C-alpha atoms as a PDB file:
ATOM      1  CA  UNK A   1     -24.232  10.218 -16.145  1.00  0.00           C
ATOM      2  CA  UNK A   2     -24.071   7.813 -13.295  1.00  0.00           C
ATOM      3  CA  UNK A   3     -26.455   8.848 -10.374  1.00  0.00           C
ATOM      4  CA  UNK A   4     -25.183   8.871  -6.853  1.00  0.00           C
ATOM      5  CA  UNK A   5     -26.701   6.951  -3.970  1.00  0.00           C
ATOM      6  CA  UNK A   6     -28.112   8.860  -1.006  1.00  0.00           C
ATOM      7  CA  UNK A   7     -26.485   7.965   2.426  1.00  0.00           C
ATOM      8  CA  UNK A   8     -29.244   7.764   5.037  1.00  0.00           C
ATOM      9  CA  UNK A   9     -27.175   6.859   8.011  1.00  0.00           C
ATOM     10  CA  UNK A  10     -23.730   5.731   9.001  1.00  0.00           C
ATOM     11  CA  UNK A  11     -22.289   3.875  12.027  1.00  0.00           C
ATOM     12  CA  UNK A  12     -19.019   2.528  13.112  1.00  0.00           C
ATOM     13  CA  UNK A  13     -19.575  -1.129  14.262  1.00  0.00           C
ATOM     14  CA  UNK A  14     -15.840  -1.920  14.902  1.00  0.00           C
ATOM     15  CA  UNK A  15     -12.699   0.122  15.408  1.00  0.00           C
ATOM     16  CA  UNK A  16      -9.075  -0.666  15.970  1.00  0.00           C
ATOM     17  CA  UNK A  17      -5.734   1.180  15.448  1.00  0.00           C
ATOM     18  CA  UNK A  18      -5.618   0.114  11.679  1.00  0.00           C
ATOM     19  CA  UNK A  19      -9.260   0.440  10.403  1.00  0.00           C
ATOM     20  CA  UNK A  20     -12.907   1.131  11.160  1.00  0.00           C
ATOM     21  CA  UNK A  21     -15.826  -1.187  10.106  1.00  0.00           C
ATOM     22  CA  UNK A  22     -18.644   0.985   8.879  1.00  0.00           C
ATOM     23  CA  UNK A  23     -22.342   0.261   8.257  1.00  0.00           C
ATOM     24  CA  UNK A  24     -24.167   2.610   5.991  1.00  0.00           C
ATOM     25  CA  UNK A  25     -27.897   2.674   5.095  1.00  0.00           C
ATOM     26  CA  UNK A  26     -28.377   4.091   1.617  1.00  0.00           C
ATOM     27  CA  UNK A  27     -31.125   4.768  -0.997  1.00  0.00           C
ATOM     28  CA  UNK A  28     -30.659   4.011  -4.621  1.00  0.00           C
ATOM     29  CA  UNK A  29     -31.812   6.467  -7.326  1.00  0.00           C
ATOM     30  CA  UNK A  30     -34.828   4.157  -8.006  1.00  0.00           C
ATOM     31  CA  UNK A  31     -35.893   4.596  -4.306  1.00  0.00           C
ATOM     32  CA  UNK A  32     -34.848   1.109  -3.005  1.00  0.00           C
ATOM     33  CA  UNK A  33     -33.005   1.287   0.295  1.00  0.00           C
ATOM     34  CA  UNK A  34     -30.173  -1.055   1.387  1.00  0.00           C
ATOM     35  CA  UNK A  35     -27.180  -1.762   3.687  1.00  0.00           C
ATOM     36  CA  UNK A  36     -23.447  -1.323   2.822  1.00  0.00           C
ATOM     37  CA  UNK A  37     -20.677  -2.564   4.993  1.00  0.00           C
ATOM     38  CA  UNK A  38     -17.023  -1.508   4.414  1.00  0.00           C
ATOM     39  CA  UNK A  39     -13.762  -0.698   6.170  1.00  0.00           C
ATOM     40  CA  UNK A  40     -12.059   2.703   6.239  1.00  0.00           C
ATOM     41  CA  UNK A  41      -8.392   3.490   7.061  1.00  0.00           C
ATOM     42  CA  UNK A  42      -6.368   6.628   7.255  1.00  0.00           C
ATOM     43  CA  UNK A  43      -4.574   5.523   3.992  1.00  0.00           C
ATOM     44  CA  UNK A  44      -1.474   3.656   3.111  1.00  0.00           C
ATOM     45  CA  UNK A  45       1.900   3.916   1.341  1.00  0.00           C
ATOM     46  CA  UNK A  46       3.850   1.655  -0.976  1.00  0.00           C
ATOM     47  CA  UNK A  47       7.378   2.554  -1.650  1.00  0.00           C
ATOM     48  CA  UNK A  48       9.557   1.218  -4.423  1.00  0.00           C
ATOM     49  CA  UNK A  49      13.200   1.675  -3.380  1.00  0.00           C
ATOM     50  CA  UNK A  50      15.906   1.761  -5.989  1.00  0.00           C
ATOM     51  CA  UNK A  51      19.579   1.367  -4.867  1.00  0.00           C
ATOM     52  CA  UNK A  52      22.606   3.248  -6.231  1.00  0.00           C
ATOM     53  CA  UNK A  53      23.117   0.325  -8.757  1.00  0.00           C
ATOM     54  CA  UNK A  54      19.572   0.803 -10.158  1.00  0.00           C
ATOM     55  CA  UNK A  55      18.347  -2.439  -8.485  1.00  0.00           C
ATOM     56  CA  UNK A  56      14.758  -2.446  -7.178  1.00  0.00           C
ATOM     57  CA  UNK A  57      14.528  -3.625  -3.514  1.00  0.00           C
ATOM     58  CA  UNK A  58      11.691  -6.057  -2.767  1.00  0.00           C
ATOM     59  CA  UNK A  59      10.758  -7.588   0.556  1.00  0.00           C
ATOM     60  CA  UNK A  60       9.618 -11.015   1.119  1.00  0.00           C
ATOM     61  CA  UNK A  61       7.421 -11.792   4.020  1.00  0.00           C
ATOM     62  CA  UNK A  62       4.722 -14.075   5.287  1.00  0.00           C
ATOM     63  CA  UNK A  63       1.098 -12.866   4.748  1.00  0.00           C
ATOM     64  CA  UNK A  64      -1.287 -14.511   7.345  1.00  0.00           C
ATOM     65  CA  UNK A  65      -4.600 -14.145   5.441  1.00  0.00           C
ATOM     66  CA  UNK A  66      -3.145 -15.864   2.286  1.00  0.00           C
ATOM     67  CA  UNK A  67      -0.997 -18.132   4.415  1.00  0.00           C
ATOM     68  CA  UNK A  68       1.969 -17.937   2.144  1.00  0.00           C
ATOM     69  CA  UNK A  69       5.049 -15.734   1.367  1.00  0.00           C
ATOM     70  CA  UNK A  70       4.611 -12.553  -0.474  1.00  0.00           C
ATOM     71  CA  UNK A  71       7.090 -10.688  -2.511  1.00  0.00           C
ATOM     72  CA  UNK A  72       6.244  -7.071  -2.407  1.00  0.00           C
ATOM     73  CA  UNK A  73       7.564  -3.538  -1.687  1.00  0.00           C
ATOM     74  CA  UNK A  74       7.988  -1.567   1.456  1.00  0.00           C
ATOM     75  CA  UNK A  75       4.442  -0.568   2.610  1.00  0.00           C
ATOM     76  CA  UNK A  76       2.405   0.546   5.684  1.00  0.00           C
ATOM     77  CA  UNK A  77      -0.494   2.325   7.007  1.00  0.00           C
ATOM     78  CA  UNK A  78      -0.558   6.029   7.537  1.00  0.00           C
ATOM     79  CA  UNK A  79      -0.753   6.783  11.314  1.00  0.00           C
ATOM     80  CA  UNK A  80      -3.108   9.635  12.533  1.00  0.00           C
ATOM     81  CA  UNK A  81      -1.237  12.956  12.356  1.00  0.00           C
ATOM     82  CA  UNK A  82       1.409  11.668   9.884  1.00  0.00           C
ATOM     83  CA  UNK A  83       1.667  12.616   6.140  1.00  0.00           C
ATOM     84  CA  UNK A  84       2.178  10.052   3.417  1.00  0.00           C
ATOM     85  CA  UNK A  85       5.808  11.296   2.923  1.00  0.00           C
ATOM     86  CA  UNK A  86       6.537  10.942   6.695  1.00  0.00           C
ATOM     87  CA  UNK A  87       4.951   7.391   6.623  1.00  0.00           C
ATOM     88  CA  UNK A  88       6.977   6.390   3.542  1.00  0.00           C
ATOM     89  CA  UNK A  89      10.371   7.418   5.147  1.00  0.00           C
ATOM     90  CA  UNK A  90       9.252   5.692   8.442  1.00  0.00           C
ATOM     91  CA  UNK A  91       8.450   2.473   6.670  1.00  0.00           C
ATOM     92  CA  UNK A  92      11.727   2.492   4.547  1.00  0.00           C
ATOM     93  CA  UNK A  93      13.663   2.841   7.850  1.00  0.00           C
ATOM     94  CA  UNK A  94      11.576   0.287   9.744  1.00  0.00           C
ATOM     95  CA  UNK A  95      11.303  -2.450   7.162  1.00  0.00           C
ATOM     96  CA  UNK A  96      14.648  -2.311   5.237  1.00  0.00           C
ATOM     97  CA  UNK A  97      16.896   0.111   7.159  1.00  0.00           C
ATOM     98  CA  UNK A  98      17.048   3.040   4.748  1.00  0.00           C
ATOM     99  CA  UNK A  99      16.133   6.734   4.381  1.00  0.00           C
ATOM    100  CA  UNK A 100      15.606   8.208   1.061  1.00  0.00           C
ATOM    101  CA  UNK A 101      17.500  11.420  -0.032  1.00  0.00           C
ATOM    102  CA  UNK A 102      15.113  11.423  -2.932  1.00  0.00           C
ATOM    103  CA  UNK A 103      11.474  10.407  -2.329  1.00  0.00           C
ATOM    104  CA  UNK A 104       9.037  11.216  -4.987  1.00  0.00           C
ATOM    105  CA  UNK A 105       5.205  10.536  -4.760  1.00  0.00           C
ATOM    106  CA  UNK A 106       4.250   9.305  -8.247  1.00  0.00           C
ATOM    107  CA  UNK A 107       0.548   8.589  -7.793  1.00  0.00           C
ATOM    108  CA  UNK A 108      -2.285   7.174  -5.855  1.00  0.00           C
ATOM    109  CA  UNK A 109      -4.947   4.489  -6.131  1.00  0.00           C
ATOM    110  CA  UNK A 110      -7.906   2.971  -4.341  1.00  0.00           C
ATOM    111  CA  UNK A 111      -6.933  -0.693  -3.552  1.00  0.00           C
ATOM    112  CA  UNK A 112     -10.392  -2.303  -3.251  1.00  0.00           C
ATOM    113  CA  UNK A 113     -12.991   0.380  -3.833  1.00  0.00           C
ATOM    114  CA  UNK A 114     -15.994  -2.032  -3.143  1.00  0.00           C
ATOM    115  CA  UNK A 115     -14.953  -3.073   0.240  1.00  0.00           C
ATOM    116  CA  UNK A 116     -12.366  -0.539   1.560  1.00  0.00           C
ATOM    117  CA  UNK A 117     -12.165   3.245   1.749  1.00  0.00           C
ATOM    118  CA  UNK A 118      -8.428   3.843   1.427  1.00  0.00           C
ATOM    119  CA  UNK A 119      -6.059   5.818  -0.643  1.00  0.00           C
ATOM    120  CA  UNK A 120      -2.670   4.322  -1.211  1.00  0.00           C
ATOM    121  CA  UNK A 121       0.145   6.784  -2.023  1.00  0.00           C
ATOM    122  CA  UNK A 122       2.992   5.323  -4.184  1.00  0.00           C
ATOM    123  CA  UNK A 123       6.554   6.521  -3.909  1.00  0.00           C
ATOM    124  CA  UNK A 124       9.858   5.872  -5.600  1.00  0.00           C
ATOM    125  CA  UNK A 125      12.801   6.204  -3.219  1.00  0.00           C
ATOM    126  CA  UNK A 126      16.333   6.827  -4.407  1.00  0.00           C
ATOM    127  CA  UNK A 127      19.546   8.106  -2.960  1.00  0.00           C
ATOM    128  CA  UNK A 128      19.185   5.539  -0.082  1.00  0.00           C
ATOM    129  CA  UNK A 129      21.173   6.139   3.136  1.00  0.00           C
ATOM    130  CA  UNK A 130      21.629   3.623   5.844  1.00  0.00           C
ATOM    131  CA  UNK A 131      19.295   3.638   8.907  1.00  0.00           C
ATOM    132  CA  UNK A 132      18.562   1.106  11.604  1.00  0.00           C
ATOM    133  CA  UNK A 133      15.851  -1.398  10.584  1.00  0.00           C
ATOM    134  CA  UNK A 134      13.228  -1.944  13.298  1.00  0.00           C
ATOM    135  CA  UNK A 135      10.633  -4.219  11.850  1.00  0.00           C
ATOM    136  CA  UNK A 136       7.331  -4.985  13.845  1.00  0.00           C
ATOM    137  CA  UNK A 137       7.350  -8.193  15.671  1.00  0.00           C
ATOM    138  CA  UNK A 138       4.961  -9.584  12.995  1.00  0.00           C
ATOM    139  CA  UNK A 139       7.342  -8.757  10.146  1.00  0.00           C
ATOM    140  CA  UNK A 140       9.998 -11.286   9.195  1.00  0.00           C
ATOM    141  CA  UNK A 141      11.459  -9.554   6.271  1.00  0.00           C
ATOM    142  CA  UNK A 142      13.894 -10.800   3.692  1.00  0.00           C
ATOM    143  CA  UNK A 143      15.311  -8.252   1.369  1.00  0.00           C
ATOM    144  CA  UNK A 144      15.804  -9.086  -2.255  1.00  0.00           C
ATOM    145  CA  UNK A 145      17.106  -6.901  -5.118  1.00  0.00           C
ATOM    146  CA  UNK A 146      16.355  -7.168  -8.762  1.00  0.00           C
ATOM    147  CA  UNK A 147      17.315  -5.271 -11.853  1.00  0.00           C
ATOM    148  CA  UNK A 148      14.359  -3.638 -13.504  1.00  0.00           C
ATOM    149  CA  UNK A 149      14.300  -6.318 -16.302  1.00  0.00           C
ATOM    150  CA  UNK A 150      14.424  -9.006 -13.574  1.00  0.00           C
ATOM    151  CA  UNK A 151      11.763  -7.371 -11.608  1.00  0.00           C
ATOM    152  CA  UNK A 152       9.428  -7.316 -14.666  1.00  0.00           C
ATOM    153  CA  UNK A 153      10.170 -11.115 -15.159  1.00  0.00           C
ATOM    154  CA  UNK A 154       9.188 -12.085 -11.718  1.00  0.00           C
ATOM    155  CA  UNK A 155       6.057  -9.876 -11.885  1.00  0.00           C
ATOM    156  CA  UNK A 156       4.919 -11.239 -15.078  1.00  0.00           C
ATOM    157  CA  UNK A 157       5.659 -14.817 -13.912  1.00  0.00           C
ATOM    158  CA  UNK A 158       3.120 -14.326 -11.005  1.00  0.00           C
ATOM    159  CA  UNK A 159       5.763 -14.633  -8.278  1.00  0.00           C
ATOM    160  CA  UNK A 160       4.639 -11.103  -7.193  1.00  0.00           C
ATOM    161  CA  UNK A 161       0.820 -11.671  -6.540  1.00  0.00           C
ATOM    162  CA  UNK A 162       0.006  -8.927  -4.103  1.00  0.00           C
ATOM    163  CA  UNK A 163      -2.493  -6.577  -5.868  1.00  0.00           C
ATOM    164  CA  UNK A 164      -1.185  -3.385  -4.153  1.00  0.00           C
ATOM    165  CA  UNK A 165       2.431  -4.223  -5.223  1.00  0.00           C
ATOM    166  CA  UNK A 166       1.240  -4.802  -8.818  1.00  0.00           C
ATOM    167  CA  UNK A 167      -0.680  -1.526  -8.970  1.00  0.00           C
ATOM    168  CA  UNK A 168       2.270   0.261  -7.442  1.00  0.00           C
ATOM    169  CA  UNK A 169       4.613  -1.190  -9.988  1.00  0.00           C
ATOM    170  CA  UNK A 170       2.422   0.024 -12.887  1.00  0.00           C
ATOM    171  CA  UNK A 171       2.535   3.514 -11.512  1.00  0.00           C
ATOM    172  CA  UNK A 172       6.324   3.376 -10.789  1.00  0.00           C
ATOM    173  CA  UNK A 173       7.521   1.838 -13.927  1.00  0.00           C
ATOM    174  CA  UNK A 174       7.820   5.081 -16.035  1.00  0.00           C
ATOM    175  CA  UNK A 175       9.869   6.585 -13.189  1.00  0.00           C
ATOM    176  CA  UNK A 176      12.465   3.681 -13.040  1.00  0.00           C
ATOM    177  CA  UNK A 177      14.155   4.045 -16.408  1.00  0.00           C
END
């Protein structure tokens, strides 16, 4: 059995509308004390949209930190007071101009558990109806559609390199057949 660490104190050292920076003091089971710094968010969603032809909808956009284009799925942070389902529908409308008649949460994962306290909720969206896309000013989105076999090929080739998109794909694959 793995022994837990004891949290001695916790303080928020930075906060913005997306995340909090937290500094904890802790004690290990052997008595040694230390510092742990991490970020905490309200959570996130990743949505794998599938159109009526069975094609998976990806979005291509620029990612500042990596300084390159990323091919990924619809995603976004959960805003305070919103549920993961509400966030998934809002992100679908905002980023690609659709609302899902059939939205199913298929799983969750922790994207970077040594640095970030966040739960990512993964959805498959089908029965898509048109809505008005209203991307944020930082989002320059290009929509791309691929069959499931084509999607698998571009994922295996490394064209999809975003870790959260890859984890979401693993969870979604059994629901896409």
